[in-house]
Amino acid sequence: MACSGGADSLALLDILGRLSQPLGIAIVGCYVDHGQHPRAASAARRVERHCRRLLVPFVLCRADAARAAPGSNEDELRRERARLLEETAEDLGCRRIATGHTRDDQAETVLLRIVRGTGVAGLRGIPVRRGRFIRPLLWSSKETLERYCRSRRLAFDRDPANRDMRFVRNRIRHHVLPRLKTLNPAVAEALLRLSRAAARDQRVLAALARSVPMEEGRGFARIPWNQASQLPAAVLTRAWVLMLRKVKGPGASLPLGHGEVMLRRMRREGPGCWSHSLPGGVVVRRDKRWLSFELPDGKAKAFCIRVKKTGEVRLPQGRMRFSLQRFRPERAGPCRVFFDPELAPFPLTVRSLRPGDRLEKWGGGSREVCRILMDEKIPRRDRTLVPLLCRGRRILWIAGVRRSRHYPLSTCGKMALCVEYIR
C-alpha cells in the first residue's frame, strides 16, 4: 500500500488494514521519499505510526538522488516512484500495489491529456488496474475521503508539493478546474463520464486491432498492405501501436503527430513505396506487399535444418511438409514442387540464404539467389527468412519463388517426393 500521508492514501491504508482479515489479505505500508521537501521525514514518521496502530508492517523507500533531483518534473518523479514500488513489491512478494488515486485525480488526468493532445486511449485516464497497480478508490472523491479520515481521527498531511505551481497538474487543480466549474459545476463528473465512454470505445477498438493478421521477427513487425489499406484509421493506428511494441517493447507509444502523417501518406501516395522515421530509431516502411515497422540494425537469424524423412519441419516463418505422392503436373506451383525420390533421396537440408548462393535455371545457366529475390520485390531484411531446399551444395528450390532444373519428373502418376511450403 503506497501511502504519502495525505487523506486519500491514508484512508485507503486504514480501510485495507481494517479489511485485511475479512478479505484474507496481508498488506505492507510503503512511503516513498523523493527528497524534494524537508517535511518528507515527518510525513514518513506519521505513516509509520498509522501502520503500527493497524499492526501493518512499514517500509521506507528513498529515491535515488540522481533520478529524482530537486526540480525534477512530475513525470520523472512518477516514473521513479513506480520503479521503487515495483522493486519493493518484488522483494516483499506482494502481488498488488495499491495507490490512493481518486476521481478528482481522474478528472485532472483527463483534462491534462486533453490539453496536451490525446486520442481515445488517453481519454480513458487512470485505469483501475494496470499490471500490479490497483486503484480501489478511483471513484471516490477527495472530500469523501477527508470526511472518512476525520471520522476515524486520522491526522492526514497536506503535501506541500500539491501547492507547487511548477507542476502542470497543480495549475490545472487550482486554476483551470475552478474556472471550468463556473461554466459547469459538475465538470468533474462530466470528465469522468468522458473517461468511462472512452474506455468502452478503446476496448472495442483494441480488440479489433489485435485481430489484424501480423507477422513479427527479430527487430520487425508487419501486416499485409492489402489488409492495412482497408482498415479504418482508428483500428489501423492501434495496430501500429501493437507493432511498435513488438519492435521496441511494452510501453512504447506512437505519437499522434506521426500517426497523422502516416495516415496522410497512405492516402496521398496510395500504392507507392515510402518510408517514415519514428522516434527511437524505428522506421516504418511501405513496399509492394507489406507495411512494416523495423529497427534498422535488426537482422533475421540464419537457420539450417537437416531433414531425414517425410514429415514436417518448422521454419522461422511457416513450415515445410515432405511426403510421397503420385505426381500430377497441375498440382505443382510456387509453394508445391515434386522431385524424383530416387535422384533426390534423404537427407535434405532447409537453410537460409548465404553469400554466393546460385540457382541453376531450367533453360540452362544460373543466377544469384539474392538477385532472384530482388526481382521478386522481397525486402532485403526478409531475404534471410526465405527457405532454400538443398541437397548437398545444390539448391533445389527457393521456397515459394522458383525451383531449379535438378531432379525433375515427367511421367504423370509416378511416385514423387512432394515438398510443400506453408507460410
Protein backbone atom coordinates (compact mmCIF):
# COMPACT_ATOMS: atom_id res chain seq x y z
CA MET A 1 0.00 0.00 0.00
CA ALA A 2 1.69 3.21 -1.22
CA CYS A 3 0.94 5.92 1.34
CA SER A 4 2.12 9.54 1.20
CA GLY A 5 0.35 10.60 4.40
CA GLY A 6 -2.35 12.52 2.55
CA ALA A 7 -6.06 11.96 3.16
CA ASP A 8 -6.52 9.75 0.07
CA SER A 9 -3.76 7.23 0.70
CA LEU A 10 -4.17 7.32 4.48
CA ALA A 11 -7.88 6.47 4.15
CA LEU A 12 -7.03 3.57 1.84
CA LEU A 13 -4.36 2.32 4.23
CA ASP A 14 -6.89 2.40 7.09
CA ILE A 15 -9.61 0.70 5.01
CA LEU A 16 -7.29 -2.08 3.79
CA GLY A 17 -5.91 -2.55 7.30
CA ARG A 18 -9.41 -2.98 8.74
CA LEU A 19 -10.49 -5.32 5.94
CA SER A 20 -7.31 -7.39 5.75
CA GLN A 21 -8.62 -10.20 7.98
CA PRO A 22 -12.13 -10.46 6.45
CA LEU A 23 -10.60 -10.42 2.95
CA GLY A 24 -7.77 -12.79 3.84
CA ILE A 25 -5.04 -10.43 2.63
CA ALA A 26 -1.76 -9.19 4.12
CA ILE A 27 -0.66 -5.61 3.47
CA VAL A 28 2.54 -3.60 3.88
CA GLY A 29 2.59 0.19 4.15
CA CYS A 30 5.21 1.94 1.99
CA TYR A 31 6.31 5.58 1.98
CA VAL A 32 8.45 6.87 -0.93
CA ASP A 33 10.74 9.77 -0.03
CA HIS A 34 11.82 11.68 -3.15
CA GLY A 35 13.92 14.08 -1.11
CA GLN A 36 12.03 17.02 -2.61
CA HIS A 37 10.71 18.59 0.62
CA PRO A 38 12.06 18.98 4.17
CA ARG A 39 8.72 17.77 5.62
CA ALA A 40 9.10 14.33 3.99
CA ALA A 41 10.76 12.81 7.07
CA SER A 42 7.91 13.88 9.41
CA ALA A 43 5.32 12.60 6.90
CA ALA A 44 7.11 9.23 6.78
CA ARG A 45 7.05 9.01 10.60
CA ARG A 46 3.33 9.80 10.61
CA VAL A 47 2.63 6.99 8.12
CA GLU A 48 4.75 4.63 10.20
CA ARG A 49 2.71 5.45 13.33
CA HIS A 50 -0.55 4.69 11.47
CA CYS A 51 0.91 1.38 10.30
CA ARG A 52 1.83 0.43 13.89
CA ARG A 53 -1.69 1.33 15.00
CA LEU A 54 -3.10 -1.05 12.35
CA LEU A 55 -0.44 -3.73 13.09
CA VAL A 56 0.77 -3.37 9.50
CA PRO A 57 4.49 -3.65 8.54
CA PHE A 58 6.06 -0.43 7.25
CA VAL A 59 8.75 0.15 4.60
CA LEU A 60 10.50 3.42 3.75
CA CYS A 61 11.88 3.80 0.21
CA ARG A 62 14.30 6.57 -0.66
CA ALA A 63 14.56 7.70 -4.27
CA ASP A 64 17.93 7.82 -5.99
CA ALA A 65 19.17 11.41 -5.78
CA ALA A 66 20.39 11.24 -9.38
CA ARG A 67 17.00 10.03 -10.62
CA ALA A 68 14.81 12.40 -8.57
CA ALA A 69 16.89 15.53 -8.07
CA PRO A 70 15.21 18.68 -6.73
CA GLY A 71 13.34 20.36 -9.55
CA SER A 72 12.56 17.11 -11.39
CA ASN A 73 9.33 17.27 -13.35
CA GLU A 74 6.26 15.33 -12.29
CA ASP A 75 6.62 12.64 -14.96
CA GLU A 76 10.18 11.85 -13.84
CA LEU A 77 9.06 11.65 -10.20
CA ARG A 78 6.12 9.43 -11.11
CA ARG A 79 8.35 7.01 -13.05
CA GLU A 80 10.89 6.86 -10.23
CA ARG A 81 8.13 6.27 -7.66
CA ALA A 82 6.62 3.44 -9.76
CA ARG A 83 10.06 1.85 -10.17
CA LEU A 84 10.71 1.89 -6.43
CA LEU A 85 7.27 0.47 -5.63
CA GLU A 86 7.71 -2.32 -8.21
CA GLU A 87 11.12 -3.26 -6.80
CA THR A 88 9.85 -3.21 -3.21
CA ALA A 89 6.80 -5.31 -4.08
CA GLU A 90 9.05 -7.83 -5.83
CA ASP A 91 11.37 -8.04 -2.82
CA LEU A 92 8.47 -8.49 -0.37
CA GLY A 93 6.50 -10.90 -2.56
CA CYS A 94 3.48 -8.56 -2.84
CA ARG A 95 1.15 -9.38 -5.72
CA ARG A 96 -0.52 -5.95 -5.87
CA ILE A 97 0.46 -2.32 -5.33
CA ALA A 98 -2.50 -0.21 -4.12
CA THR A 99 -2.47 3.56 -4.59
CA GLY A 100 -4.90 6.19 -3.31
CA HIS A 101 -5.92 7.79 -6.61
CA THR A 102 -9.40 9.35 -6.54
CA ARG A 103 -11.96 10.56 -9.03
CA ASP A 104 -10.53 14.07 -8.65
CA ASP A 105 -7.17 12.71 -9.84
CA GLN A 106 -9.01 11.04 -12.71
CA ALA A 107 -10.69 14.29 -13.78
CA GLU A 108 -7.36 16.16 -13.61
CA THR A 109 -5.63 13.46 -15.66
CA VAL A 110 -8.27 13.52 -18.41
CA LEU A 111 -8.13 17.32 -18.59
CA LEU A 112 -4.31 17.30 -18.61
CA ARG A 113 -4.28 14.87 -21.54
CA ILE A 114 -6.83 16.93 -23.45
CA VAL A 115 -4.59 19.98 -23.04
CA ARG A 116 -1.51 18.06 -24.21
CA GLY A 117 -3.36 16.44 -27.09
CA THR A 118 -4.52 12.83 -26.91
CA GLY A 119 -6.69 10.21 -28.57
CA VAL A 120 -9.39 7.92 -27.26
CA ALA A 121 -6.83 5.77 -25.40
CA GLY A 122 -5.56 8.79 -23.47
CA LEU A 123 -9.06 9.95 -22.59
CA ARG A 124 -9.52 6.79 -20.51
CA GLY A 125 -7.37 8.46 -17.87
CA ILE A 126 -6.06 6.35 -14.99
CA PRO A 127 -7.03 2.65 -15.24
CA VAL A 128 -8.43 0.86 -12.19
CA ARG A 129 -5.75 -1.77 -12.73
CA ARG A 130 -2.54 -1.86 -14.75
CA GLY A 131 -0.08 -4.65 -14.08
CA ARG A 132 0.45 -4.86 -10.31
CA PHE A 133 -1.01 -1.42 -9.65
CA ILE A 134 -4.62 -1.17 -8.43
CA ARG A 135 -6.67 1.94 -7.52
CA PRO A 136 -9.52 0.81 -5.24
CA LEU A 137 -10.74 4.37 -4.51
CA LEU A 138 -10.72 5.69 -8.08
CA TRP A 139 -14.46 6.53 -7.99
CA SER A 140 -14.36 8.19 -4.54
CA SER A 141 -13.92 11.94 -4.12
CA LYS A 142 -11.20 13.63 -2.05
CA GLU A 143 -13.90 15.32 0.00
CA THR A 144 -15.44 11.97 0.96
CA LEU A 145 -12.05 10.56 1.98
CA GLU A 146 -11.21 13.61 4.08
CA ARG A 147 -14.53 13.16 5.94
CA TYR A 148 -13.61 9.50 6.46
CA CYS A 149 -10.22 10.46 7.94
CA ARG A 150 -11.84 12.98 10.31
CA SER A 151 -14.42 10.43 11.41
CA ARG A 152 -11.60 7.96 12.18
CA ARG A 153 -9.46 10.70 13.79
CA LEU A 154 -6.66 10.13 11.30
CA ALA A 155 -4.27 13.08 11.18
CA PHE A 156 -3.55 13.41 7.48
CA ASP A 157 -0.88 15.56 5.92
CA ARG A 158 -1.35 18.14 3.18
CA ASP A 159 1.59 17.55 0.86
CA PRO A 160 3.32 20.90 0.12
CA ALA A 161 4.15 19.54 -3.35
CA ASN A 162 0.43 19.82 -4.17
CA ARG A 163 0.78 23.63 -3.93
CA ASP A 164 3.88 23.82 -6.14
CA MET A 165 2.80 25.67 -9.29
CA ARG A 166 5.79 24.37 -11.23
CA PHE A 167 3.76 21.20 -11.76
CA VAL A 168 1.17 21.37 -14.54
CA ARG A 169 -1.24 19.15 -12.63
CA ASN A 170 -1.30 21.63 -9.74
CA ARG A 171 -2.05 24.52 -12.09
CA ILE A 172 -4.97 22.52 -13.51
CA ARG A 173 -6.16 21.63 -10.00
CA HIS A 174 -6.03 25.16 -8.56
CA HIS A 175 -6.62 27.39 -11.58
CA VAL A 176 -8.22 25.59 -14.54
CA LEU A 177 -10.80 23.32 -12.86
CA PRO A 178 -12.21 26.12 -10.63
CA ARG A 179 -12.68 28.26 -13.76
CA LEU A 180 -14.42 25.40 -15.56
CA LYS A 181 -16.74 24.90 -12.60
CA THR A 182 -18.14 28.39 -13.24
CA LEU A 183 -19.35 27.02 -16.61
CA ASN A 184 -20.42 23.61 -15.27
CA PRO A 185 -20.44 22.94 -11.51
CA ALA A 186 -20.39 19.20 -12.27
CA VAL A 187 -17.37 19.39 -14.61
CA ALA A 188 -15.51 16.64 -12.67
CA GLU A 189 -18.44 14.23 -13.16
CA ALA A 190 -18.58 15.17 -16.86
CA LEU A 191 -14.88 14.35 -17.28
CA LEU A 192 -15.42 11.02 -15.50
CA ARG A 193 -18.26 10.15 -17.89
CA LEU A 194 -15.94 11.01 -20.78
CA SER A 195 -13.24 8.70 -19.41
CA ARG A 196 -15.71 5.81 -19.00
CA ALA A 197 -17.06 6.27 -22.55
CA ALA A 198 -13.51 6.41 -23.93
CA ALA A 199 -12.59 3.23 -22.03
CA ARG A 200 -15.55 1.38 -23.57
CA ASP A 201 -14.64 2.52 -27.09
CA GLN A 202 -10.96 1.74 -26.55
CA ARG A 203 -11.72 -1.85 -25.50
CA VAL A 204 -13.62 -2.50 -28.74
CA LEU A 205 -11.01 -0.81 -30.97
CA ALA A 206 -8.15 -2.60 -29.21
CA ALA A 207 -9.86 -5.98 -29.76
CA LEU A 208 -10.26 -5.20 -33.47
CA ALA A 209 -6.59 -4.18 -33.69
CA ARG A 210 -5.47 -7.44 -32.04
CA SER A 211 -7.39 -9.41 -34.68
CA VAL A 212 -5.35 -7.86 -37.54
CA PRO A 213 -3.03 -10.56 -39.03
CA MET A 214 0.53 -9.63 -38.14
CA GLU A 215 3.94 -11.18 -38.67
CA GLU A 216 6.88 -10.50 -36.40
CA GLY A 217 10.52 -11.39 -36.13
CA ARG A 218 13.75 -10.10 -34.64
CA GLY A 219 13.60 -6.34 -35.00
CA PHE A 220 10.47 -6.08 -37.15
CA ALA A 221 6.69 -6.46 -37.26
CA ARG A 222 4.50 -6.15 -40.35
CA ILE A 223 0.99 -6.50 -41.74
CA PRO A 224 -0.05 -7.19 -45.35
CA TRP A 225 -0.54 -3.93 -47.27
CA ASN A 226 -3.78 -5.03 -48.95
CA GLN A 227 -5.34 -5.52 -45.49
CA ALA A 228 -3.78 -2.43 -43.90
CA SER A 229 -5.18 -0.21 -46.65
CA GLN A 230 -8.72 -1.48 -45.96
CA LEU A 231 -8.72 -0.91 -42.18
CA PRO A 232 -10.47 2.09 -40.60
CA ALA A 233 -7.97 4.66 -39.35
CA ALA A 234 -9.00 4.11 -35.71
CA VAL A 235 -8.19 0.38 -35.91
CA LEU A 236 -5.07 0.83 -38.05
CA THR A 237 -3.42 3.29 -35.65
CA ARG A 238 -3.96 0.86 -32.76
CA ALA A 239 -2.48 -1.95 -34.85
CA TRP A 240 0.53 0.31 -35.39
CA VAL A 241 0.91 0.70 -31.62
CA LEU A 242 0.91 -3.10 -31.22
CA MET A 243 3.54 -3.40 -33.97
CA LEU A 244 5.67 -0.71 -32.36
CA ARG A 245 5.54 -2.55 -29.01
CA LYS A 246 6.61 -5.80 -30.67
CA VAL A 247 9.65 -3.98 -32.06
CA LYS A 248 10.52 -1.64 -29.15
CA GLY A 249 9.00 -3.49 -26.20
CA PRO A 250 6.00 -2.97 -23.85
CA GLY A 251 5.03 0.59 -23.10
CA ALA A 252 6.15 2.07 -26.44
CA SER A 253 3.65 4.59 -27.81
CA LEU A 254 3.04 6.15 -31.21
CA PRO A 255 2.99 9.98 -31.09
CA LEU A 256 -0.28 11.32 -32.51
CA GLY A 257 1.51 13.64 -34.92
CA HIS A 258 3.44 10.78 -36.51
CA GLY A 259 0.28 8.69 -36.80
CA GLU A 260 -1.46 11.53 -38.66
CA VAL A 261 1.50 11.92 -41.05
CA MET A 262 1.48 8.18 -41.85
CA LEU A 263 -2.28 8.20 -42.49
CA ARG A 264 -1.86 11.14 -44.89
CA ARG A 265 0.96 9.36 -46.72
CA MET A 266 -1.19 6.25 -47.12
CA ARG A 267 -3.99 8.31 -48.68
CA ARG A 268 -1.74 10.51 -50.81
CA GLU A 269 0.81 8.01 -52.10
CA GLY A 270 -1.55 5.04 -52.50
CA PRO A 271 0.32 2.05 -53.95
CA GLY A 272 3.67 3.86 -53.97
CA CYS A 273 6.56 2.79 -51.73
CA TRP A 274 7.64 5.10 -48.91
CA SER A 275 9.29 5.15 -45.50
CA HIS A 276 8.83 7.21 -42.34
CA SER A 277 11.14 7.55 -39.31
CA LEU A 278 9.71 7.39 -35.78
CA PRO A 279 11.34 8.49 -32.52
CA GLY A 280 13.61 5.82 -31.08
CA GLY A 281 15.08 4.70 -34.40
CA VAL A 282 12.08 2.75 -35.71
CA VAL A 283 11.46 3.01 -39.47
CA VAL A 284 8.02 2.48 -41.00
CA ARG A 285 8.32 1.03 -44.49
CA ARG A 286 5.70 0.52 -47.19
CA ASP A 287 6.74 -1.81 -50.01
CA LYS A 288 4.97 -3.92 -52.59
CA ARG A 289 3.42 -6.38 -50.12
CA TRP A 290 3.91 -5.12 -46.58
CA LEU A 291 3.60 -2.24 -44.16
CA SER A 292 6.47 -2.83 -41.72
CA PHE A 293 7.87 -1.39 -38.50
CA GLU A 294 11.62 -2.09 -38.43
CA LEU A 295 14.74 -1.44 -36.41
CA PRO A 296 17.50 -0.72 -38.95
CA ASP A 297 20.01 -2.91 -37.13
CA GLY A 298 17.58 -5.83 -36.70
CA LYS A 299 18.71 -8.87 -38.67
CA ALA A 300 16.87 -12.13 -39.17
CA LYS A 301 18.65 -15.10 -37.62
CA ALA A 302 20.15 -17.60 -40.07
CA PHE A 303 18.89 -21.21 -39.87
CA CYS A 304 19.85 -24.66 -41.20
CA ILE A 305 17.61 -27.72 -40.67
CA ARG A 306 18.51 -31.29 -41.69
CA VAL A 307 15.54 -33.34 -42.97
CA LYS A 308 15.98 -37.13 -42.71
CA LYS A 309 12.49 -38.42 -43.54
CA THR A 310 8.97 -37.45 -44.59
CA GLY A 311 7.01 -35.23 -42.24
CA GLU A 312 7.00 -31.55 -41.27
CA VAL A 313 9.70 -29.15 -40.18
CA ARG A 314 9.11 -25.76 -38.57
CA LEU A 315 10.69 -22.68 -40.11
CA PRO A 316 11.02 -19.07 -38.86
CA GLN A 317 8.00 -18.05 -40.95
CA GLY A 318 5.96 -21.18 -41.56
CA ARG A 319 6.65 -24.86 -42.07
CA MET A 320 7.70 -27.27 -44.82
CA ARG A 321 5.97 -30.61 -45.40
CA PHE A 322 7.63 -33.64 -47.06
CA SER A 323 5.51 -36.55 -48.37
CA LEU A 324 5.43 -39.23 -51.07
CA GLN A 325 2.61 -38.70 -53.59
CA ARG A 326 1.63 -39.52 -57.15
CA PHE A 327 2.94 -36.85 -59.50
CA ARG A 328 0.28 -34.56 -61.04
CA PRO A 329 1.74 -31.67 -63.08
CA GLU A 330 -1.29 -29.45 -62.42
CA ARG A 331 -0.67 -29.62 -58.67
CA ALA A 332 2.80 -28.10 -58.88
CA GLY A 333 3.24 -24.37 -58.15
CA PRO A 334 5.39 -21.81 -56.33
CA CYS A 335 4.59 -23.39 -52.94
CA ARG A 336 4.49 -27.08 -54.01
CA VAL A 337 7.17 -28.89 -56.01
CA PHE A 338 7.88 -32.53 -56.96
CA PHE A 339 11.23 -34.31 -57.22
CA ASP A 340 12.33 -37.75 -58.32
CA PRO A 341 12.84 -39.52 -54.95
CA GLU A 342 15.48 -41.84 -56.39
CA LEU A 343 17.66 -38.95 -57.55
CA ALA A 344 16.99 -36.71 -54.53
CA PRO A 345 16.89 -39.08 -51.54
CA PHE A 346 17.02 -38.01 -47.93
CA PRO A 347 18.76 -36.40 -46.12
CA LEU A 348 17.96 -32.94 -47.46
CA THR A 349 18.68 -29.52 -45.96
CA VAL A 350 16.44 -26.49 -45.50
CA ARG A 351 18.51 -23.39 -44.80
CA SER A 352 18.65 -19.63 -45.13
CA LEU A 353 20.39 -17.58 -47.80
CA ARG A 354 24.20 -17.49 -47.83
CA PRO A 355 26.57 -15.20 -49.75
CA GLY A 356 27.27 -16.53 -53.24
CA ASP A 357 24.22 -18.85 -53.45
CA ARG A 358 23.19 -19.54 -57.07
CA LEU A 359 20.20 -21.37 -58.58
CA GLU A 360 20.66 -23.42 -61.75
CA LYS A 361 17.77 -22.46 -64.05
CA TRP A 362 15.54 -24.66 -66.22
CA GLY A 363 16.79 -23.27 -69.53
CA GLY A 364 20.45 -23.52 -68.55
CA GLY A 365 22.81 -21.18 -66.82
CA SER A 366 22.46 -19.92 -63.26
CA ARG A 367 21.56 -16.80 -61.36
CA GLU A 368 22.36 -15.46 -57.93
CA VAL A 369 19.58 -16.23 -55.44
CA CYS A 370 19.76 -12.72 -53.99
CA ARG A 371 19.11 -11.28 -57.48
CA ILE A 372 16.08 -13.55 -57.93
CA LEU A 373 14.68 -12.41 -54.58
CA MET A 374 15.36 -8.78 -55.54
CA ASP A 375 13.40 -9.29 -58.80
CA GLU A 376 10.53 -10.68 -56.72
CA LYS A 377 10.49 -7.41 -54.70
CA ILE A 378 11.27 -9.22 -51.44
CA PRO A 379 12.70 -6.66 -48.97
CA ARG A 380 16.38 -7.05 -48.08
CA ARG A 381 15.70 -7.83 -44.41
CA ASP A 382 13.26 -10.66 -45.37
CA ARG A 383 15.58 -12.47 -47.76
CA THR A 384 17.28 -14.40 -44.97
CA LEU A 385 13.86 -15.77 -43.97
CA VAL A 386 13.16 -17.34 -47.42
CA PRO A 387 13.86 -21.12 -47.08
CA LEU A 388 16.18 -22.79 -49.58
CA LEU A 389 15.78 -26.57 -50.12
CA CYS A 390 19.17 -28.12 -50.82
CA ARG A 391 20.82 -31.47 -51.45
CA GLY A 392 24.46 -31.11 -50.63
CA ARG A 393 25.63 -27.90 -52.27
CA ARG A 394 22.85 -27.87 -54.87
CA ILE A 395 19.89 -25.58 -54.34
CA LEU A 396 16.78 -27.46 -55.48
CA TRP A 397 14.13 -24.85 -54.67
CA ILE A 398 13.69 -21.29 -53.45
CA ALA A 399 10.54 -21.98 -51.43
CA GLY A 400 7.54 -20.04 -52.68
CA VAL A 401 9.57 -18.46 -55.50
CA ARG A 402 11.30 -20.77 -58.02
CA ARG A 403 12.69 -24.29 -58.38
CA SER A 404 15.89 -25.43 -60.04
CA ARG A 405 16.37 -27.75 -63.02
CA HIS A 406 17.55 -30.65 -60.82
CA TYR A 407 15.67 -33.96 -60.39
CA PRO A 408 12.53 -33.21 -62.42
CA LEU A 409 9.64 -35.62 -63.11
CA SER A 410 7.95 -36.06 -66.46
CA THR A 411 5.81 -39.19 -66.02
CA CYS A 412 2.33 -38.46 -64.67
CA GLY A 413 1.27 -40.81 -61.88
CA LYS A 414 4.81 -41.78 -60.87
CA MET A 415 5.58 -41.78 -57.15
CA ALA A 416 7.31 -38.49 -56.28
CA LEU A 417 8.71 -36.60 -53.35
CA CYS A 418 6.26 -33.74 -52.77
CA VAL A 419 7.55 -30.73 -50.86
CA GLU A 420 5.08 -28.02 -49.73
CA TYR A 421 5.85 -24.66 -48.14
CA ILE A 422 3.11 -23.37 -45.82
CA ARG A 423 3.74 -19.73 -44.95
